[in-house]
Structures are given as structure tokens and as C-alpha cells.
Amino acid sequence: MLCRAFRRAPILAILALPSLAHAQAYQCRVPSTVAVPHVRPDGPQRKMPVTGYTLALSWSPEFCKPRKSSPAHSTQCSGRNGDFGLIVHGLWPDGRNSWPQWCANPRRVPPAEVRRNLCMMPSARIQATEWAKHGACMVRTPEAYFKVTRILWDGLRKPDLDRLSHDRALTAGKIRDAFVLANPDWPRSAVGLSINQRGWLEELRLCYGKNFMPTACNRQRFGPKDGTNVKIWRGL
């Protein structure tokens, strides 16, 4: 259920809230040390007013399907650090007709901050990239960006996608129904999905207004219509 403290909370009020336990009910073992890579922009800098936010939750078994042996994704995909279900891909600021990105900020994510977030976002590279590409356009420090992300993440109850994966008649609408059943404060119109060309679920994309209240997704973020058939990979 969405934490009721969010009902009137702008970003500064959210930062004042304490962080809750951030591990999902999957195995997670945090390594004793991490290396934080330097990331370079993959596109132009865009500065614009923020009109809302998207919390992208990746379905880890699908992400790891072709990446089991990838050194770059070993924390998430090798199995040595546990098994993951839904994880945070990123918290993205939205703009009118586009989105801000790569705003100038010299701060990098400290290793201690990366370790704090690895059960939620099990990749040092993805954390570094999401801060530099998206977080720097929202707040001044990576610690603030990840604190906001953790509070949103911890305020959600995750639907049982393992159980849904056994439904041979699964649709995008059934996935949205399961999310809303777990989070009654959420309107279905705020639950977006991303599926690949073969119909496998890749991500949930949850849409927030500027005040961090759930809001209807636009067509792009909402993704497939309710009647679209969807498959969920459970892993090997």
C-alpha cells in the first residue's frame, strides 16, 4: 500500500521521512566491497521543469535471462548474491513532452551508498547511471536521490508475479489488477507495463505526479492495453 505520508508530501518532505527496510522477500546478500564505475552521458543534456515521476521496476528473471554470465551484471544475475524478483531500475523525472537528463553535477555515488541500495537495485553501474542521468536533475546529492527512491519502493506491496506466471491466459490487465489488489490506493491508470516484442514482461512503470501521488500514465508509459497477452519468465 502506498504510504499515507505521501499524500501531501513534496520531495523535501519525503526526504525528511526515515528509510524503512528495503529488501524484497527474495534472497539478497550484499558484498563486503563494491566498485563504483564512472559513467559517461549517452545522450544530450536536457534541463526542463519536472512535471512528475516514473518509478521503473524491472523483473529481474527476464533481465537476467541473457545476462547470467555477464560480469557487468554479476551481482544481480550470477546467483552468488541471491535471487531477485522485482527490483528498481530507476526513478525518472518527467517533463512536458520529454524528460530532463544528464544535468550537470560533479557528485558520484559513494560505495557505502551503493551497498545500502543493493537489495533494491542490485548493480553498482545502474545506480551510478541512474543518479547521473536522472537523479541529478531532481536533487543535489545521490544520497537524497536514493532516499526518495527507497521510500517509494518501501511504500509498495509487490504483487506475486511468480504465481501470475503460471496463468496461461495472463494479460496486462491481470497484472494491473494484481498490483492494485496489493496496493488499494493505486488507480489502475497509474500502473504502466513494458513488455518485449515476444510478449515477456520486462518492467512495471509506476506513474507519480509532481506531489508523488499516483497519477494516470500517458500512453507511452502505460504501455500495452489490458487485453494484451503477457508472459512472465520465472528463471531456470
C-alpha atoms as a PDB file:
ATOM      1  CA  MET A   1       0.000   0.000   0.000  1.00  0.00           C
ATOM      2  CA  LEU A   2       1.261   3.486  -0.782  1.00  0.00           C
ATOM      3  CA  CYS A   3       2.488   5.055   2.439  1.00  0.00           C
ATOM      4  CA  ARG A   4      -0.121   7.586   3.561  1.00  0.00           C
ATOM      5  CA  ALA A   5       2.656  10.019   4.453  1.00  0.00           C
ATOM      6  CA  PHE A   6       2.999  10.640   0.701  1.00  0.00           C
ATOM      7  CA  ARG A   7      -0.463  12.165   0.360  1.00  0.00           C
ATOM      8  CA  ARG A   8       0.751  15.750   0.821  1.00  0.00           C
ATOM      9  CA  ALA A   9       4.483  15.216   0.587  1.00  0.00           C
ATOM     10  CA  PRO A  10       6.657  17.156  -1.872  1.00  0.00           C
ATOM     11  CA  ILE A  11      10.189  15.926  -2.387  1.00  0.00           C
ATOM     12  CA  LEU A  12      11.649  17.767   0.623  1.00  0.00           C
ATOM     13  CA  ALA A  13       9.048  16.275   2.946  1.00  0.00           C
ATOM     14  CA  ILE A  14       9.787  12.804   1.596  1.00  0.00           C
ATOM     15  CA  LEU A  15      13.484  13.348   2.326  1.00  0.00           C
ATOM     16  CA  ALA A  16      12.594  14.044   5.958  1.00  0.00           C
ATOM     17  CA  LEU A  17      10.972  10.623   6.356  1.00  0.00           C
ATOM     18  CA  PRO A  18      13.027   7.729   7.778  1.00  0.00           C
ATOM     19  CA  SER A  19      14.062   4.928   5.459  1.00  0.00           C
ATOM     20  CA  LEU A  20      12.341   1.589   6.040  1.00  0.00           C
ATOM     21  CA  ALA A  21      13.672  -1.916   5.486  1.00  0.00           C
ATOM     22  CA  HIS A  22      14.409  -2.091   1.795  1.00  0.00           C
ATOM     23  CA  ALA A  23      14.803  -5.787   0.969  1.00  0.00           C
ATOM     24  CA  GLN A  24      12.110  -7.582  -1.009  1.00  0.00           C
ATOM     25  CA  ALA A  25      11.151 -11.108   0.058  1.00  0.00           C
ATOM     26  CA  TYR A  26      13.833 -12.642  -2.138  1.00  0.00           C
ATOM     27  CA  GLN A  27      17.338 -13.689  -1.175  1.00  0.00           C
ATOM     28  CA  CYS A  28      19.894 -10.888  -1.112  1.00  0.00           C
ATOM     29  CA  ARG A  29      23.482 -10.965   0.089  1.00  0.00           C
ATOM     30  CA  VAL A  30      25.373  -7.672  -0.016  1.00  0.00           C
ATOM     31  CA  PRO A  31      29.069  -7.978  -0.941  1.00  0.00           C
ATOM     32  CA  SER A  32      31.568  -6.546   1.523  1.00  0.00           C
ATOM     33  CA  THR A  33      33.061  -4.204  -1.083  1.00  0.00           C
ATOM     34  CA  VAL A  34      31.824  -2.663  -4.321  1.00  0.00           C
ATOM     35  CA  ALA A  35      33.478  -0.695  -7.109  1.00  0.00           C
ATOM     36  CA  VAL A  36      31.501   2.232  -8.473  1.00  0.00           C
ATOM     37  CA  PRO A  37      32.181   2.812 -12.175  1.00  0.00           C
ATOM     38  CA  HIS A  38      32.427   6.193 -13.817  1.00  0.00           C
ATOM     39  CA  VAL A  39      29.622   6.709 -16.328  1.00  0.00           C
ATOM     40  CA  ARG A  40      29.516   8.903 -19.400  1.00  0.00           C
ATOM     41  CA  PRO A  41      26.398  10.525 -20.888  1.00  0.00           C
ATOM     42  CA  ASP A  42      24.714   8.517 -23.626  1.00  0.00           C
ATOM     43  CA  GLY A  43      22.732  11.490 -24.882  1.00  0.00           C
ATOM     44  CA  PRO A  44      22.365  15.269 -24.685  1.00  0.00           C
ATOM     45  CA  GLN A  45      21.858  17.261 -21.502  1.00  0.00           C
ATOM     46  CA  ARG A  46      18.250  18.403 -21.095  1.00  0.00           C
ATOM     47  CA  LYS A  47      17.109  20.838 -18.440  1.00  0.00           C
ATOM     48  CA  MET A  48      13.386  21.427 -18.003  1.00  0.00           C
ATOM     49  CA  PRO A  49      10.765  21.696 -15.257  1.00  0.00           C
ATOM     50  CA  VAL A  50       9.813  18.389 -13.660  1.00  0.00           C
ATOM     51  CA  THR A  51       6.109  17.574 -14.089  1.00  0.00           C
ATOM     52  CA  GLY A  52       6.043  14.135 -12.453  1.00  0.00           C
ATOM     53  CA  TYR A  53       7.992  10.922 -11.904  1.00  0.00           C
ATOM     54  CA  THR A  54       8.157   7.316 -13.056  1.00  0.00           C
ATOM     55  CA  LEU A  55       9.360   4.520 -10.782  1.00  0.00           C
ATOM     56  CA  ALA A  56      10.547   1.734 -13.093  1.00  0.00           C
ATOM     57  CA  LEU A  57      10.554  -1.739 -11.508  1.00  0.00           C
ATOM     58  CA  SER A  58      12.427  -4.323 -13.540  1.00  0.00           C
ATOM     59  CA  TRP A  59      11.513  -8.026 -13.433  1.00  0.00           C
ATOM     60  CA  SER A  60      14.910  -9.492 -12.679  1.00  0.00           C
ATOM     61  CA  PRO A  61      14.463 -13.045 -14.092  1.00  0.00           C
ATOM     62  CA  GLU A  62      13.649 -11.565 -17.512  1.00  0.00           C
ATOM     63  CA  PHE A  63      16.506  -9.054 -17.348  1.00  0.00           C
ATOM     64  CA  CYS A  64      18.975 -11.782 -16.384  1.00  0.00           C
ATOM     65  CA  LYS A  65      17.815 -14.324 -18.969  1.00  0.00           C
ATOM     66  CA  PRO A  66      20.566 -13.344 -21.465  1.00  0.00           C
ATOM     67  CA  ARG A  67      22.961 -11.965 -18.821  1.00  0.00           C
ATOM     68  CA  LYS A  68      23.628 -14.890 -16.460  1.00  0.00           C
ATOM     69  CA  SER A  69      27.362 -14.860 -17.201  1.00  0.00           C
ATOM     70  CA  SER A  70      27.782 -11.101 -17.715  1.00  0.00           C
ATOM     71  CA  PRO A  71      30.459  -9.643 -15.373  1.00  0.00           C
ATOM     72  CA  ALA A  72      28.743  -6.256 -15.572  1.00  0.00           C
ATOM     73  CA  HIS A  73      25.566  -7.731 -14.017  1.00  0.00           C
ATOM     74  CA  SER A  74      27.057 -10.399 -11.764  1.00  0.00           C
ATOM     75  CA  THR A  75      25.542  -9.029  -8.532  1.00  0.00           C
ATOM     76  CA  GLN A  76      22.033  -9.294  -9.950  1.00  0.00           C
ATOM     77  CA  CYS A  77      22.309 -12.241 -12.311  1.00  0.00           C
ATOM     78  CA  SER A  78      25.035 -14.675 -11.240  1.00  0.00           C
ATOM     79  CA  GLY A  79      23.132 -16.085  -8.252  1.00  0.00           C
ATOM     80  CA  ARG A  80      26.108 -15.572  -5.952  1.00  0.00           C
ATOM     81  CA  ASN A  81      24.422 -12.628  -4.241  1.00  0.00           C
ATOM     82  CA  GLY A  82      20.962 -14.139  -4.119  1.00  0.00           C
ATOM     83  CA  ASP A  83      17.845 -14.322  -6.257  1.00  0.00           C
ATOM     84  CA  PHE A  84      15.853 -11.233  -7.160  1.00  0.00           C
ATOM     85  CA  GLY A  85      12.285 -10.615  -8.283  1.00  0.00           C
ATOM     86  CA  LEU A  86      11.144  -7.047  -8.850  1.00  0.00           C
ATOM     87  CA  ILE A  87      13.986  -4.580  -8.432  1.00  0.00           C
ATOM     88  CA  VAL A  88      14.263  -0.840  -9.032  1.00  0.00           C
ATOM     89  CA  HIS A  89      15.573   0.114 -12.444  1.00  0.00           C
ATOM     90  CA  GLY A  90      15.312   3.812 -11.681  1.00  0.00           C
ATOM     91  CA  LEU A  91      13.296   6.797 -10.519  1.00  0.00           C
ATOM     92  CA  TRP A  92      12.878   9.070 -13.521  1.00  0.00           C
ATOM     93  CA  PRO A  93      11.767  12.716 -13.541  1.00  0.00           C
ATOM     94  CA  ASP A  94       9.311  13.512 -16.316  1.00  0.00           C
ATOM     95  CA  GLY A  95       8.851  16.750 -18.233  1.00  0.00           C
ATOM     96  CA  ARG A  96       6.315  18.163 -20.622  1.00  0.00           C
ATOM     97  CA  ASN A  97       6.672  16.243 -23.923  1.00  0.00           C
ATOM     98  CA  SER A  98      10.126  14.950 -22.893  1.00  0.00           C
ATOM     99  CA  TRP A  99      12.232  14.413 -19.757  1.00  0.00           C
ATOM    100  CA  PRO A 100      15.236  16.056 -18.097  1.00  0.00           C
ATOM    101  CA  GLN A 101      18.509  14.139 -18.187  1.00  0.00           C
ATOM    102  CA  TRP A 102      22.260  14.392 -17.575  1.00  0.00           C
ATOM    103  CA  CYS A 103      22.042  17.590 -15.540  1.00  0.00           C
ATOM    104  CA  ALA A 104      25.500  18.777 -14.513  1.00  0.00           C
ATOM    105  CA  ASN A 105      26.523  17.584 -11.049  1.00  0.00           C
ATOM    106  CA  PRO A 106      30.064  16.518 -10.066  1.00  0.00           C
ATOM    107  CA  ARG A 107      28.954  14.245  -7.210  1.00  0.00           C
ATOM    108  CA  ARG A 108      29.364  10.484  -7.613  1.00  0.00           C
ATOM    109  CA  VAL A 109      27.596   7.729  -5.708  1.00  0.00           C
ATOM    110  CA  PRO A 110      29.753   6.657  -2.720  1.00  0.00           C
ATOM    111  CA  PRO A 111      30.421   2.902  -2.335  1.00  0.00           C
ATOM    112  CA  ALA A 112      28.652   2.900   1.056  1.00  0.00           C
ATOM    113  CA  GLU A 113      25.507   4.284  -0.601  1.00  0.00           C
ATOM    114  CA  VAL A 114      25.676   1.654  -3.340  1.00  0.00           C
ATOM    115  CA  ARG A 115      25.892  -1.133  -0.748  1.00  0.00           C
ATOM    116  CA  ARG A 116      22.888   0.306   1.119  1.00  0.00           C
ATOM    117  CA  ASN A 117      20.781   0.017  -2.026  1.00  0.00           C
ATOM    118  CA  LEU A 118      21.942  -3.296  -3.496  1.00  0.00           C
ATOM    119  CA  CYS A 119      18.917  -5.328  -2.340  1.00  0.00           C
ATOM    120  CA  MET A 120      16.659  -2.801  -4.052  1.00  0.00           C
ATOM    121  CA  MET A 121      18.860  -2.006  -7.057  1.00  0.00           C
ATOM    122  CA  PRO A 122      21.483  -4.769  -7.401  1.00  0.00           C
ATOM    123  CA  SER A 123      24.002  -3.124  -9.710  1.00  0.00           C
ATOM    124  CA  ALA A 124      26.632  -0.502  -8.921  1.00  0.00           C
ATOM    125  CA  ARG A 125      26.699   0.509 -12.583  1.00  0.00           C
ATOM    126  CA  ILE A 126      22.949   1.009 -12.790  1.00  0.00           C
ATOM    127  CA  GLN A 127      22.967   3.025  -9.560  1.00  0.00           C
ATOM    128  CA  ALA A 128      25.758   5.248 -10.870  1.00  0.00           C
ATOM    129  CA  THR A 129      23.981   5.709 -14.192  1.00  0.00           C
ATOM    130  CA  GLU A 130      20.550   6.425 -12.715  1.00  0.00           C
ATOM    131  CA  TRP A 131      21.964   9.066 -10.388  1.00  0.00           C
ATOM    132  CA  ALA A 132      23.960  10.821 -13.123  1.00  0.00           C
ATOM    133  CA  LYS A 133      21.265  10.611 -15.805  1.00  0.00           C
ATOM    134  CA  HIS A 134      18.110  11.171 -13.752  1.00  0.00           C
ATOM    135  CA  GLY A 135      18.763  11.884 -10.087  1.00  0.00           C
ATOM    136  CA  ALA A 136      20.997  14.882 -10.735  1.00  0.00           C
ATOM    137  CA  CYS A 137      18.012  16.586 -12.382  1.00  0.00           C
ATOM    138  CA  MET A 138      15.924  16.116  -9.212  1.00  0.00           C
ATOM    139  CA  VAL A 139      18.075  16.718  -6.117  1.00  0.00           C
ATOM    140  CA  ARG A 140      21.582  17.830  -5.186  1.00  0.00           C
ATOM    141  CA  THR A 141      23.087  14.614  -3.834  1.00  0.00           C
ATOM    142  CA  PRO A 142      22.969  10.906  -4.687  1.00  0.00           C
ATOM    143  CA  GLU A 143      22.085  10.169  -1.058  1.00  0.00           C
ATOM    144  CA  ALA A 144      18.927  12.271  -1.406  1.00  0.00           C
ATOM    145  CA  TYR A 145      18.013  10.643  -4.722  1.00  0.00           C
ATOM    146  CA  PHE A 146      18.293   7.125  -3.348  1.00  0.00           C
ATOM    147  CA  LYS A 147      16.494   8.020  -0.119  1.00  0.00           C
ATOM    148  CA  VAL A 148      13.479   9.202  -2.132  1.00  0.00           C
ATOM    149  CA  THR A 149      13.693   6.037  -4.236  1.00  0.00           C
ATOM    150  CA  ARG A 150      13.863   3.787  -1.159  1.00  0.00           C
ATOM    151  CA  ILE A 151      10.854   5.444   0.463  1.00  0.00           C
ATOM    152  CA  LEU A 152       8.745   4.994  -2.676  1.00  0.00           C
ATOM    153  CA  TRP A 153       9.945   1.388  -3.020  1.00  0.00           C
ATOM    154  CA  ASP A 154       9.279   0.563   0.620  1.00  0.00           C
ATOM    155  CA  GLY A 155       5.808   2.103   0.386  1.00  0.00           C
ATOM    156  CA  LEU A 156       4.729  -0.541  -2.148  1.00  0.00           C
ATOM    157  CA  ARG A 157       3.492  -4.075  -1.724  1.00  0.00           C
ATOM    158  CA  LYS A 158       4.799  -6.175  -4.578  1.00  0.00           C
ATOM    159  CA  PRO A 159       2.362  -8.439  -6.436  1.00  0.00           C
ATOM    160  CA  ASP A 160       3.168 -12.163  -6.597  1.00  0.00           C
ATOM    161  CA  LEU A 161       4.488 -12.329 -10.145  1.00  0.00           C
ATOM    162  CA  ASP A 162       5.735 -15.884  -9.629  1.00  0.00           C
ATOM    163  CA  ARG A 163       2.139 -17.001  -9.069  1.00  0.00           C
ATOM    164  CA  LEU A 164       0.862 -14.957 -12.005  1.00  0.00           C
ATOM    165  CA  SER A 165       3.484 -16.522 -14.280  1.00  0.00           C
ATOM    166  CA  HIS A 166       1.572 -19.847 -14.161  1.00  0.00           C
ATOM    167  CA  ASP A 167      -1.541 -18.260 -15.724  1.00  0.00           C
ATOM    168  CA  ARG A 168      -1.551 -19.316 -19.375  1.00  0.00           C
ATOM    169  CA  ALA A 169      -4.188 -16.680 -20.125  1.00  0.00           C
ATOM    170  CA  LEU A 170      -2.266 -13.872 -18.422  1.00  0.00           C
ATOM    171  CA  THR A 171      -2.893 -10.355 -19.699  1.00  0.00           C
ATOM    172  CA  ALA A 172      -1.576  -6.893 -18.975  1.00  0.00           C
ATOM    173  CA  GLY A 173      -4.895  -6.149 -17.270  1.00  0.00           C
ATOM    174  CA  LYS A 174      -4.493  -9.075 -14.868  1.00  0.00           C
ATOM    175  CA  ILE A 175      -1.056  -7.801 -13.857  1.00  0.00           C
ATOM    176  CA  ARG A 176      -2.505  -4.346 -13.206  1.00  0.00           C
ATOM    177  CA  ASP A 177      -5.333  -5.926 -11.199  1.00  0.00           C
ATOM    178  CA  ALA A 178      -2.801  -7.815  -9.053  1.00  0.00           C
ATOM    179  CA  PHE A 179      -0.835  -4.653  -8.364  1.00  0.00           C
ATOM    180  CA  VAL A 180      -3.948  -2.685  -7.372  1.00  0.00           C
ATOM    181  CA  LEU A 181      -5.153  -5.566  -5.177  1.00  0.00           C
ATOM    182  CA  ALA A 182      -1.844  -5.339  -3.292  1.00  0.00           C
ATOM    183  CA  ASN A 183      -1.900  -1.515  -3.298  1.00  0.00           C
ATOM    184  CA  PRO A 184      -5.545  -0.361  -2.981  1.00  0.00           C
ATOM    185  CA  ASP A 185      -4.630   3.345  -3.045  1.00  0.00           C
ATOM    186  CA  TRP A 186      -3.376   2.992  -6.622  1.00  0.00           C
ATOM    187  CA  PRO A 187      -5.575   3.656  -9.657  1.00  0.00           C
ATOM    188  CA  ARG A 188      -5.085   1.141 -12.471  1.00  0.00           C
ATOM    189  CA  SER A 189      -4.357   4.018 -14.835  1.00  0.00           C
ATOM    190  CA  ALA A 190      -1.127   4.694 -12.890  1.00  0.00           C
ATOM    191  CA  VAL A 191       0.271   1.182 -13.478  1.00  0.00           C
ATOM    192  CA  GLY A 192       2.263   1.021 -16.687  1.00  0.00           C
ATOM    193  CA  LEU A 193       3.945  -2.059 -18.180  1.00  0.00           C
ATOM    194  CA  SER A 194       6.797  -2.663 -20.560  1.00  0.00           C
ATOM    195  CA  ILE A 195       6.888  -5.941 -22.488  1.00  0.00           C
ATOM    196  CA  ASN A 196       9.320  -7.063 -25.157  1.00  0.00           C
ATOM    197  CA  GLN A 197       8.475  -7.974 -28.740  1.00  0.00           C
ATOM    198  CA  ARG A 198       7.926 -11.611 -27.762  1.00  0.00           C
ATOM    199  CA  GLY A 199       5.392 -10.674 -25.082  1.00  0.00           C
ATOM    200  CA  TRP A 200       7.523 -11.183 -21.946  1.00  0.00           C
ATOM    201  CA  LEU A 201       7.152  -8.748 -19.051  1.00  0.00           C
ATOM    202  CA  GLU A 202      10.193  -6.507 -18.633  1.00  0.00           C
ATOM    203  CA  GLU A 203       9.083  -3.786 -16.222  1.00  0.00           C
ATOM    204  CA  LEU A 204       6.307  -2.189 -14.238  1.00  0.00           C
ATOM    205  CA  ARG A 205       6.327   1.590 -14.707  1.00  0.00           C
ATOM    206  CA  LEU A 206       4.519   3.368 -11.896  1.00  0.00           C
ATOM    207  CA  CYS A 207       3.427   6.925 -12.580  1.00  0.00           C
ATOM    208  CA  TYR A 208       3.515   9.707  -9.989  1.00  0.00           C
ATOM    209  CA  GLY A 209       2.537  13.355 -10.135  1.00  0.00           C
ATOM    210  CA  LYS A 210       4.849  16.127  -9.038  1.00  0.00           C
ATOM    211  CA  ASN A 211       3.484  15.684  -5.490  1.00  0.00           C
ATOM    212  CA  PHE A 212       4.398  11.955  -5.525  1.00  0.00           C
ATOM    213  CA  MET A 213       0.772  10.889  -5.642  1.00  0.00           C
ATOM    214  CA  PRO A 214      -0.089   8.152  -8.178  1.00  0.00           C
ATOM    215  CA  THR A 215      -1.355   9.694 -11.394  1.00  0.00           C
ATOM    216  CA  ALA A 216      -2.523   8.379 -14.741  1.00  0.00           C
ATOM    217  CA  CYS A 217       0.314   7.360 -17.045  1.00  0.00           C
ATOM    218  CA  ASN A 218       0.494   8.820 -20.511  1.00  0.00           C
ATOM    219  CA  ARG A 219       0.096   6.392 -23.401  1.00  0.00           C
ATOM    220  CA  GLN A 220       3.817   5.689 -23.720  1.00  0.00           C
ATOM    221  CA  ARG A 221       4.337   4.870 -20.038  1.00  0.00           C
ATOM    222  CA  PHE A 222       1.055   2.949 -19.721  1.00  0.00           C
ATOM    223  CA  GLY A 223       2.208   0.515 -22.387  1.00  0.00           C
ATOM    224  CA  PRO A 224       0.123  -2.449 -23.594  1.00  0.00           C
ATOM    225  CA  LYS A 225      -3.657  -2.386 -23.337  1.00  0.00           C
ATOM    226  CA  ASP A 226      -5.357  -4.516 -20.703  1.00  0.00           C
ATOM    227  CA  GLY A 227      -6.280  -7.282 -23.141  1.00  0.00           C
ATOM    228  CA  THR A 228      -2.720  -7.827 -24.364  1.00  0.00           C
ATOM    229  CA  ASN A 229      -1.344 -11.304 -23.638  1.00  0.00           C
ATOM    230  CA  VAL A 230       1.757 -11.264 -21.419  1.00  0.00           C
ATOM    231  CA  LYS A 231       4.191 -13.948 -20.255  1.00  0.00           C
ATOM    232  CA  ILE A 232       6.380 -13.806 -17.128  1.00  0.00           C
ATOM    233  CA  TRP A 233       9.710 -15.627 -17.081  1.00  0.00           C
ATOM    234  CA  ARG A 234      10.386 -17.405 -13.763  1.00  0.00           C
ATOM    235  CA  GLY A 235      14.017 -18.210 -14.438  1.00  0.00           C
ATOM    236  CA  LEU A 236      15.766 -21.527 -14.922  1.00  0.00           C
END
